[in-house]
N, C-alpha and C. Protein backbone atom coordinates (compact mmCIF):
# COMPACT_ATOMS: atom_id res chain seq x y z
N MET A 1 -19.86 8.49 -3.77
CA MET A 1 -19.43 7.25 -3.30
C MET A 1 -18.22 6.87 -3.41
N THR A 2 -17.53 6.97 -4.55
CA THR A 2 -16.07 6.30 -4.73
C THR A 2 -15.14 7.01 -4.08
N LYS A 3 -15.58 8.61 -3.41
CA LYS A 3 -14.71 9.23 -2.96
C LYS A 3 -14.45 8.99 -1.38
N LYS A 4 -15.66 8.44 -0.82
CA LYS A 4 -15.77 8.01 0.37
C LYS A 4 -15.04 6.46 0.44
N ILE A 5 -15.11 5.72 -0.36
CA ILE A 5 -14.27 4.26 -0.33
C ILE A 5 -12.78 4.71 -0.50
N ILE A 6 -12.48 5.66 -1.39
CA ILE A 6 -10.90 5.84 -1.77
C ILE A 6 -10.40 6.44 -0.14
N LEU A 7 -11.29 7.53 0.38
CA LEU A 7 -10.99 8.14 1.73
C LEU A 7 -10.63 7.28 2.67
N SER A 8 -11.79 6.44 2.95
CA SER A 8 -11.79 5.31 3.75
C SER A 8 -10.51 4.32 3.65
N LEU A 9 -10.21 3.90 2.41
CA LEU A 9 -8.88 3.12 2.11
C LEU A 9 -7.67 3.82 2.12
N PHE A 10 -7.80 5.09 2.20
CA PHE A 10 -6.57 6.06 2.40
C PHE A 10 -6.39 6.14 3.92
N MET A 11 -7.43 6.10 4.78
CA MET A 11 -7.40 6.28 6.34
C MET A 11 -6.81 5.03 6.66
N LEU A 12 -7.26 3.91 6.28
CA LEU A 12 -7.05 2.54 6.52
C LEU A 12 -5.80 2.11 6.48
N ILE A 13 -5.18 2.65 5.32
CA ILE A 13 -3.61 2.43 5.14
C ILE A 13 -2.83 3.12 6.08
N THR A 14 -3.17 4.37 5.88
CA THR A 14 -2.43 5.37 6.76
C THR A 14 -2.34 4.90 8.21
N GLY A 15 -3.45 4.36 8.84
CA GLY A 15 -3.33 3.73 10.18
C GLY A 15 -2.73 2.52 10.29
N TYR A 16 -2.79 1.40 9.21
CA TYR A 16 -1.78 0.62 9.65
C TYR A 16 -0.58 0.76 9.65
N PHE A 17 -0.10 1.79 8.57
CA PHE A 17 1.50 2.13 8.69
C PHE A 17 1.91 2.98 9.86
N LEU A 18 0.95 3.65 10.48
CA LEU A 18 1.18 4.46 11.79
C LEU A 18 1.71 3.26 13.01
N TYR A 19 0.69 2.46 12.90
CA TYR A 19 1.04 1.14 13.87
C TYR A 19 2.15 0.42 13.23
N ASN A 20 2.12 0.04 12.31
CA ASN A 20 3.29 -1.13 11.87
C ASN A 20 4.22 -0.35 10.60
N PRO A 21 5.00 0.72 11.05
CA PRO A 21 5.96 1.68 10.28
C PRO A 21 6.72 0.74 9.27
N MET A 22 6.78 1.07 7.83
CA MET A 22 7.79 0.59 6.85
C MET A 22 9.09 0.65 7.36
N ILE A 23 10.11 -0.39 7.32
CA ILE A 23 11.53 -0.05 7.64
C ILE A 23 12.27 -0.04 6.40
N ILE A 24 12.92 0.75 6.14
CA ILE A 24 13.86 0.99 4.86
C ILE A 24 15.19 1.53 5.09
N SER A 25 16.02 0.31 4.82
CA SER A 25 17.32 0.66 5.01
C SER A 25 18.04 0.81 3.95
N LEU A 26 18.83 2.08 4.25
CA LEU A 26 19.69 2.40 2.89
C LEU A 26 20.99 2.33 3.01
N THR A 27 21.43 2.13 4.39
CA THR A 27 22.88 1.84 4.60
C THR A 27 23.05 0.83 5.84
N SER A 28 24.34 0.76 6.20
CA SER A 28 24.58 0.03 7.24
C SER A 28 25.70 0.88 7.82
N VAL A 29 25.89 0.41 9.03
CA VAL A 29 27.17 1.07 9.87
C VAL A 29 28.20 0.45 9.51
N LYS A 30 29.27 1.38 9.53
CA LYS A 30 30.73 0.95 9.19
C LYS A 30 30.93 -0.18 10.09
N ASP A 31 31.87 -1.01 9.65
CA ASP A 31 32.64 -2.04 10.43
C ASP A 31 32.86 -1.47 11.80
N PRO A 32 32.75 -2.18 12.84
CA PRO A 32 32.89 -1.77 14.33
C PRO A 32 34.39 -2.12 14.60
N GLU A 33 35.43 -0.95 15.18
CA GLU A 33 36.53 -1.13 15.64
C GLU A 33 36.71 -2.22 16.73
N SER A 34 37.66 -3.23 16.65
CA SER A 34 37.82 -4.38 17.10
C SER A 34 38.13 -4.09 18.86
N ILE A 35 37.15 -4.66 19.41
CA ILE A 35 37.50 -4.29 21.38
C ILE A 35 38.11 -5.89 22.00
N ASN A 36 38.81 -5.27 22.86
CA ASN A 36 39.54 -6.78 23.47
C ASN A 36 38.84 -6.90 24.98
N LEU A 37 38.01 -7.91 24.72
CA LEU A 37 37.22 -8.27 26.15
C LEU A 37 37.31 -9.85 26.33
N LYS A 38 37.40 -9.83 27.82
CA LYS A 38 37.77 -11.42 27.93
C LYS A 38 36.49 -11.92 28.51
N SER A 39 35.94 -13.27 28.17
CA SER A 39 35.09 -13.77 28.74
C SER A 39 34.56 -13.48 30.08
N GLY A 40 33.44 -12.97 30.55
CA GLY A 40 33.04 -12.70 31.84
C GLY A 40 33.15 -11.46 32.10
N GLN A 41 34.01 -10.42 31.17
CA GLN A 41 34.53 -9.18 31.39
C GLN A 41 33.04 -8.25 31.44
N THR A 42 32.72 -7.04 32.25
CA THR A 42 31.65 -6.31 32.10
C THR A 42 32.12 -4.94 31.51
N PHE A 43 31.29 -4.36 30.56
CA PHE A 43 31.45 -3.23 29.99
C PHE A 43 30.01 -2.42 29.71
N LYS A 44 30.19 -1.22 29.39
CA LYS A 44 28.99 -0.30 29.24
C LYS A 44 29.14 -0.13 27.64
N LEU A 45 27.84 0.07 27.15
CA LEU A 45 27.87 0.59 25.78
C LEU A 45 28.43 1.70 25.12
N LYS A 46 28.54 3.03 26.35
CA LYS A 46 28.98 3.81 26.17
C LYS A 46 31.11 3.70 26.02
N ASP A 47 31.28 2.50 26.65
CA ASP A 47 32.84 2.21 26.29
C ASP A 47 33.11 1.62 25.04
N LEU A 48 32.00 1.21 24.00
CA LEU A 48 32.51 0.88 22.76
C LEU A 48 33.03 2.21 21.81
N PRO A 49 33.71 1.98 21.22
CA PRO A 49 34.56 3.20 20.64
C PRO A 49 33.45 4.14 19.51
N GLU A 50 32.70 3.16 19.27
CA GLU A 50 31.82 4.14 18.35
C GLU A 50 30.58 4.79 19.01
N LEU A 51 30.68 4.58 20.25
CA LEU A 51 29.75 5.39 21.16
C LEU A 51 30.25 6.25 21.95
N LYS A 52 31.57 6.38 22.18
CA LYS A 52 32.28 6.97 23.18
C LYS A 52 31.92 8.47 23.15
N SER A 53 31.94 8.98 21.94
CA SER A 53 31.85 10.59 21.70
C SER A 53 30.20 11.04 21.28
N SER A 54 29.33 9.96 21.52
CA SER A 54 28.13 10.30 20.91
C SER A 54 27.42 11.63 21.82
N GLN A 55 26.75 12.36 20.92
CA GLN A 55 25.84 13.38 21.38
C GLN A 55 24.72 13.54 20.34
N ASN A 56 24.14 14.11 20.98
CA ASN A 56 22.45 14.36 20.49
C ASN A 56 22.29 13.00 19.93
N SER A 57 22.23 12.17 20.92
CA SER A 57 21.86 10.60 20.40
C SER A 57 20.21 10.29 20.33
N VAL A 58 19.82 9.53 19.34
CA VAL A 58 18.29 8.88 19.12
C VAL A 58 18.65 7.43 18.81
N VAL A 59 17.91 6.68 19.97
CA VAL A 59 17.65 5.39 19.53
C VAL A 59 16.31 4.93 18.73
N TYR A 60 16.52 3.98 18.16
CA TYR A 60 15.29 3.44 17.70
C TYR A 60 15.44 2.01 18.04
N ILE A 61 14.42 1.20 18.24
CA ILE A 61 14.34 -0.03 18.44
C ILE A 61 13.29 -0.68 17.72
N VAL A 62 13.68 -1.65 16.50
CA VAL A 62 12.73 -2.25 15.45
C VAL A 62 12.43 -3.45 15.83
N LEU A 63 11.39 -4.00 16.59
CA LEU A 63 10.59 -5.25 17.20
C LEU A 63 10.10 -6.06 15.98
N ALA A 64 10.61 -7.13 15.57
CA ALA A 64 10.31 -8.09 14.65
C ALA A 64 8.72 -8.56 15.24
N GLN A 65 8.07 -9.16 14.12
CA GLN A 65 6.46 -9.61 14.74
C GLN A 65 6.72 -10.55 15.77
N GLU A 66 7.54 -11.56 15.18
CA GLU A 66 7.82 -12.95 16.43
C GLU A 66 8.24 -12.33 17.67
N ASP A 67 9.16 -11.80 17.78
CA ASP A 67 9.64 -11.02 18.92
C ASP A 67 8.76 -10.40 19.98
N ARG A 68 7.80 -9.56 19.11
CA ARG A 68 6.54 -8.83 19.83
C ARG A 68 5.61 -9.97 20.81
N LYS A 69 5.68 -10.92 20.66
CA LYS A 69 4.73 -12.10 21.00
C LYS A 69 5.33 -12.50 22.36
N ASN A 70 6.37 -12.61 22.46
CA ASN A 70 7.39 -12.84 23.99
C ASN A 70 8.19 -11.75 24.92
N LEU A 71 7.93 -10.52 24.55
CA LEU A 71 8.08 -9.39 25.18
C LEU A 71 7.75 -9.61 26.65
N SER A 72 8.54 -8.78 27.41
CA SER A 72 8.51 -8.50 28.80
C SER A 72 7.12 -7.86 28.88
N PRO A 73 6.31 -7.99 29.67
CA PRO A 73 5.02 -6.99 29.43
C PRO A 73 5.26 -5.78 30.16
N THR A 74 6.22 -5.13 30.22
CA THR A 74 6.58 -3.84 30.50
C THR A 74 6.91 -2.99 29.29
N ILE A 75 7.39 -3.83 28.27
CA ILE A 75 7.67 -3.06 27.03
C ILE A 75 6.49 -2.88 25.96
N PRO A 76 6.37 -1.51 25.55
CA PRO A 76 5.09 -1.41 24.36
C PRO A 76 5.21 -2.34 23.49
N LYS A 77 4.20 -2.86 22.86
CA LYS A 77 4.12 -3.56 21.70
C LYS A 77 4.21 -3.16 20.40
N TRP A 78 4.42 -1.81 20.37
CA TRP A 78 4.86 -1.04 18.94
C TRP A 78 5.68 -1.77 18.41
N LYS A 79 5.76 -1.53 16.90
CA LYS A 79 6.79 -2.18 16.04
C LYS A 79 8.02 -1.49 15.99
N VAL A 80 7.92 -0.14 16.30
CA VAL A 80 9.20 0.75 16.34
C VAL A 80 8.87 1.96 17.89
N LEU A 81 10.20 1.74 18.05
CA LEU A 81 10.22 2.64 19.72
C LEU A 81 11.15 3.48 19.57
N LYS A 82 11.15 4.64 20.04
CA LYS A 82 11.98 5.69 19.88
C LYS A 82 12.45 6.35 21.04
N SER A 83 13.35 6.88 21.23
CA SER A 83 13.93 7.98 22.00
C SER A 83 14.96 8.66 21.91
N ASP A 84 14.57 10.19 21.91
CA ASP A 84 15.65 11.29 21.77
C ASP A 84 15.73 11.80 23.11
N ASN A 85 15.28 11.61 24.14
CA ASN A 85 15.56 11.95 25.76
C ASN A 85 16.96 11.53 26.08
N THR A 86 17.78 12.75 26.45
CA THR A 86 19.31 12.58 26.59
C THR A 86 19.09 11.58 27.73
N ALA A 87 18.48 11.85 28.72
CA ALA A 87 18.75 11.24 30.02
C ALA A 87 18.58 9.59 29.94
N LEU A 88 17.72 9.41 28.85
CA LEU A 88 17.09 7.81 28.77
C LEU A 88 18.04 7.36 27.86
N VAL A 89 18.49 7.95 27.04
CA VAL A 89 19.37 7.37 26.10
C VAL A 89 21.20 7.02 26.66
N GLN A 90 21.21 8.47 27.78
CA GLN A 90 22.46 7.92 28.24
C GLN A 90 22.33 6.79 29.40
N ASP A 91 20.94 6.61 30.13
CA ASP A 91 20.97 5.25 31.05
C ASP A 91 21.01 4.15 30.13
N LEU A 92 20.67 3.99 28.81
CA LEU A 92 20.78 2.87 28.19
C LEU A 92 22.52 2.74 27.75
N LEU A 93 22.82 3.84 27.44
CA LEU A 93 24.75 3.79 27.36
C LEU A 93 25.45 3.45 28.57
N ASN A 94 24.62 3.63 29.60
CA ASN A 94 25.20 3.16 30.80
C ASN A 94 25.08 1.88 31.39
N CYS A 95 24.35 1.03 30.80
CA CYS A 95 23.80 -0.21 31.19
C CYS A 95 25.10 -1.48 31.53
N ASP A 96 25.12 -2.05 32.19
CA ASP A 96 26.24 -3.04 32.28
C ASP A 96 25.99 -4.34 31.60
N PHE A 97 26.61 -4.91 30.67
CA PHE A 97 26.83 -5.93 29.95
C PHE A 97 27.80 -6.87 30.40
N LYS A 98 27.51 -8.18 30.17
CA LYS A 98 28.72 -8.92 30.53
C LYS A 98 29.03 -9.67 29.06
N TYR A 99 30.13 -9.74 28.93
CA TYR A 99 30.97 -10.25 27.64
C TYR A 99 30.57 -11.63 27.76
N ASN A 100 30.15 -12.47 26.82
CA ASN A 100 30.10 -14.11 26.95
C ASN A 100 30.90 -14.80 25.66
N ASN A 101 31.59 -14.03 24.88
CA ASN A 101 32.57 -15.04 23.81
C ASN A 101 31.55 -15.89 23.32
N VAL A 102 30.35 -15.54 22.97
CA VAL A 102 29.63 -16.80 22.18
C VAL A 102 28.72 -15.75 21.30
N ASP A 103 28.04 -16.17 20.03
CA ASP A 103 27.02 -15.77 19.16
C ASP A 103 25.78 -16.35 19.16
N VAL A 104 24.89 -15.64 18.75
CA VAL A 104 23.53 -16.21 18.62
C VAL A 104 22.92 -15.92 17.46
N SER A 105 22.21 -16.58 16.65
CA SER A 105 22.02 -16.18 15.31
C SER A 105 20.53 -15.80 15.02
N THR A 106 19.74 -16.14 16.12
CA THR A 106 18.15 -16.10 15.96
C THR A 106 17.49 -14.87 16.31
N ILE A 107 18.19 -13.73 16.44
CA ILE A 107 17.54 -12.50 17.07
C ILE A 107 17.40 -11.78 15.86
N GLN A 108 16.12 -11.17 15.87
CA GLN A 108 15.44 -10.57 14.34
C GLN A 108 15.39 -8.82 14.64
N SER A 109 14.96 -8.64 15.94
CA SER A 109 14.65 -7.43 16.54
C SER A 109 15.95 -6.73 16.14
N LYS A 110 15.97 -5.17 16.30
CA LYS A 110 17.13 -4.54 15.68
C LYS A 110 17.07 -3.16 16.69
N MET A 111 18.38 -2.78 17.00
CA MET A 111 18.43 -1.55 17.66
C MET A 111 19.69 -0.52 16.93
N TYR A 112 18.96 0.69 16.78
CA TYR A 112 19.83 1.60 15.84
C TYR A 112 20.13 2.93 17.02
N VAL A 113 21.60 3.45 16.75
CA VAL A 113 22.14 4.47 17.61
C VAL A 113 22.22 5.33 16.67
N TYR A 114 21.83 6.58 16.68
CA TYR A 114 22.06 7.62 15.93
C TYR A 114 22.80 8.96 16.61
N SER A 115 24.01 9.58 16.29
CA SER A 115 24.79 10.60 17.05
C SER A 115 24.78 11.59 15.80
N ASN A 116 24.30 12.82 16.28
CA ASN A 116 24.49 13.84 15.22
C ASN A 116 23.67 13.79 13.88
N ASP A 117 22.70 12.93 13.91
CA ASP A 117 21.93 12.18 12.51
C ASP A 117 23.07 11.41 11.68
N ALA A 118 23.94 10.81 12.20
CA ALA A 118 24.53 9.56 11.59
C ALA A 118 24.43 8.47 12.30
N LEU A 119 23.96 7.39 12.01
CA LEU A 119 24.04 5.95 12.50
C LEU A 119 25.65 5.55 12.89
N VAL A 120 25.84 5.48 14.39
CA VAL A 120 27.05 5.19 14.75
C VAL A 120 27.19 3.63 15.42
N PHE A 121 26.00 3.20 15.51
CA PHE A 121 25.64 1.63 16.21
C PHE A 121 24.67 1.06 15.95
N GLU A 122 24.64 -0.04 15.44
CA GLU A 122 23.25 -1.18 15.37
C GLU A 122 23.68 -2.37 15.82
N SER A 123 22.75 -3.11 16.22
CA SER A 123 22.85 -4.41 17.02
C SER A 123 21.42 -4.97 17.04
N GLU A 124 21.55 -6.21 17.06
CA GLU A 124 20.20 -7.29 17.40
C GLU A 124 20.01 -6.81 18.87
N ILE A 125 18.67 -7.12 19.12
CA ILE A 125 18.60 -6.96 20.25
C ILE A 125 17.41 -7.89 21.10
N SER A 126 17.40 -8.51 21.96
CA SER A 126 16.26 -9.60 22.48
C SER A 126 15.94 -8.81 23.83
N LEU A 127 14.63 -8.67 23.50
CA LEU A 127 14.11 -8.15 24.82
C LEU A 127 12.83 -9.42 25.32
N ASP A 128 13.14 -10.51 25.09
CA ASP A 128 12.69 -11.65 25.26
C ASP A 128 12.41 -11.95 26.89
N LYS A 129 11.13 -12.26 27.23
CA LYS A 129 11.15 -12.51 28.89
C LYS A 129 12.36 -13.43 29.23
N ASN A 130 12.95 -14.47 28.45
CA ASN A 130 13.57 -15.33 29.02
C ASN A 130 15.11 -15.15 28.72
N SER A 131 15.28 -14.03 28.01
CA SER A 131 16.82 -13.94 26.90
C SER A 131 16.58 -12.42 26.58
N LEU A 132 17.30 -11.64 27.60
CA LEU A 132 17.75 -10.19 27.31
C LEU A 132 19.21 -9.88 26.92
N GLY A 133 19.32 -9.19 25.65
CA GLY A 133 20.53 -8.96 25.50
C GLY A 133 20.60 -8.70 24.00
N LEU A 134 22.24 -8.46 23.57
CA LEU A 134 22.71 -7.74 22.30
C LEU A 134 23.30 -8.78 21.63
N GLN A 135 23.30 -8.61 20.35
CA GLN A 135 24.20 -9.49 19.38
C GLN A 135 24.56 -8.68 18.23
N ASN A 136 25.97 -8.55 18.28
CA ASN A 136 26.40 -7.56 17.27
C ASN A 136 27.56 -8.02 16.75
N ARG A 137 28.48 -7.56 15.94
CA ARG A 137 29.47 -7.63 15.19
C ARG A 137 30.75 -7.35 15.98
N SER A 138 30.54 -6.42 16.82
CA SER A 138 31.77 -5.84 17.68
C SER A 138 32.01 -6.72 18.94
N THR A 139 30.75 -7.29 19.78
CA THR A 139 30.62 -7.66 21.09
C THR A 139 30.30 -9.56 20.84
N GLY A 140 29.53 -9.74 19.76
CA GLY A 140 28.98 -10.88 20.11
C GLY A 140 27.85 -10.88 20.38
N TRP A 141 27.20 -12.06 21.32
CA TRP A 141 25.88 -12.24 22.35
C TRP A 141 26.62 -11.61 23.71
N VAL A 142 26.16 -10.42 24.08
CA VAL A 142 26.09 -9.84 25.54
C VAL A 142 24.92 -9.81 26.13
N THR A 143 24.95 -10.43 27.45
CA THR A 143 23.95 -10.30 28.54
C THR A 143 23.99 -9.07 29.39
N LEU A 144 23.17 -8.74 30.04
CA LEU A 144 22.98 -7.58 31.13
C LEU A 144 23.31 -8.15 32.48
N LEU A 145 23.67 -7.07 33.23
CA LEU A 145 23.70 -7.71 34.80
C LEU A 145 22.79 -7.33 35.11
N ASP A 146 21.80 -6.48 34.92
CA ASP A 146 20.47 -6.08 35.55
C ASP A 146 19.43 -5.99 34.58
N ASN A 147 18.89 -7.22 34.36
CA ASN A 147 17.72 -7.10 33.53
C ASN A 147 16.51 -5.82 33.70
N HIS A 148 16.63 -5.72 34.71
CA HIS A 148 15.49 -5.16 35.29
C HIS A 148 15.58 -3.48 34.73
N GLN A 149 16.97 -2.84 34.72
CA GLN A 149 17.26 -1.74 34.23
C GLN A 149 17.31 -1.51 32.90
N LEU A 150 17.50 -2.32 32.07
CA LEU A 150 17.31 -2.18 30.64
C LEU A 150 15.52 -2.24 30.57
N LEU A 151 14.94 -3.13 31.10
CA LEU A 151 13.42 -3.12 30.75
C LEU A 151 12.89 -1.77 31.22
N ASN A 152 13.19 -1.39 32.49
CA ASN A 152 12.94 -0.29 32.68
C ASN A 152 12.94 0.96 32.00
N ILE A 153 14.03 1.02 31.42
CA ILE A 153 14.63 2.08 30.47
C ILE A 153 13.72 2.15 29.23
N ILE A 154 13.68 0.81 28.43
CA ILE A 154 13.02 0.87 27.40
C ILE A 154 11.34 1.09 27.10
N SER A 155 11.09 0.60 28.62
CA SER A 155 9.69 0.87 28.79
C SER A 155 9.08 2.30 28.98
N ARG A 156 10.10 3.03 28.77
CA ARG A 156 9.94 4.26 28.49
C ARG A 156 10.17 4.98 27.30
N PHE A 157 10.50 3.99 26.17
CA PHE A 157 10.58 4.36 24.97
C PHE A 157 9.27 4.79 24.72
N ASP A 158 9.08 5.93 23.28
CA ASP A 158 8.11 6.36 22.79
C ASP A 158 7.86 5.32 21.48
N SER A 159 6.47 5.41 21.24
CA SER A 159 6.14 4.72 19.81
C SER A 159 6.67 5.71 19.02
N TYR A 160 7.28 5.00 17.82
CA TYR A 160 7.30 5.95 16.55
C TYR A 160 6.06 6.18 15.87
N ASN A 161 5.82 7.33 15.30
CA ASN A 161 4.83 7.67 15.05
C ASN A 161 4.35 7.88 13.44
N LEU A 162 5.50 7.64 12.68
CA LEU A 162 5.62 8.19 10.99
C LEU A 162 5.28 6.76 10.63
N PRO A 163 4.80 6.87 9.39
CA PRO A 163 4.67 5.31 8.73
C PRO A 163 5.75 4.90 8.35
N ILE A 164 6.73 5.57 7.85
CA ILE A 164 8.27 5.29 7.28
C ILE A 164 9.15 5.47 8.18
N LEU A 165 9.99 4.61 8.35
CA LEU A 165 11.43 4.75 8.98
C LEU A 165 12.64 4.47 8.25
N ILE A 166 13.33 5.53 7.72
CA ILE A 166 14.57 5.27 7.07
C ILE A 166 15.84 5.14 7.53
N ILE A 167 16.38 3.96 7.55
CA ILE A 167 17.66 4.02 8.18
C ILE A 167 18.72 4.37 7.33
N LYS A 168 19.50 5.22 7.70
CA LYS A 168 20.36 5.86 6.70
C LYS A 168 21.95 6.34 7.49
């Protein structure tokens, strides 16, 4: 009887962490190189110094609980999304962003870009139906020129299916 209870609890806890992985951050990305953008200027993520030479890239998007409530319906509602699909990652890095010369501080979801197993870029990301964009130390708050392009790319990300994600 106790074996069944222990097994049931183990399966329940494992199932919970597969849907809602634990995120452990052991390090953060080094301070980004400064970039000189003018208000209203457009750029692509691949133009950022940290991402210019990225190869074998993997992108993780960790969605905060509150942010998952207001997601665009095309985005999967998993806590962690992942893509190591080269074409999809390149599409993401080629999205056109507009520099706004402002900052926002209420974004809780994060995007991590790894290149050759090293964390090279980290940014807060908003996938809210009413507010799509990135907030990071390098660019501040930037918005997309084509919201549908980003939504289409992220809607094709896979769910992360391990109970723990270690950011290192």
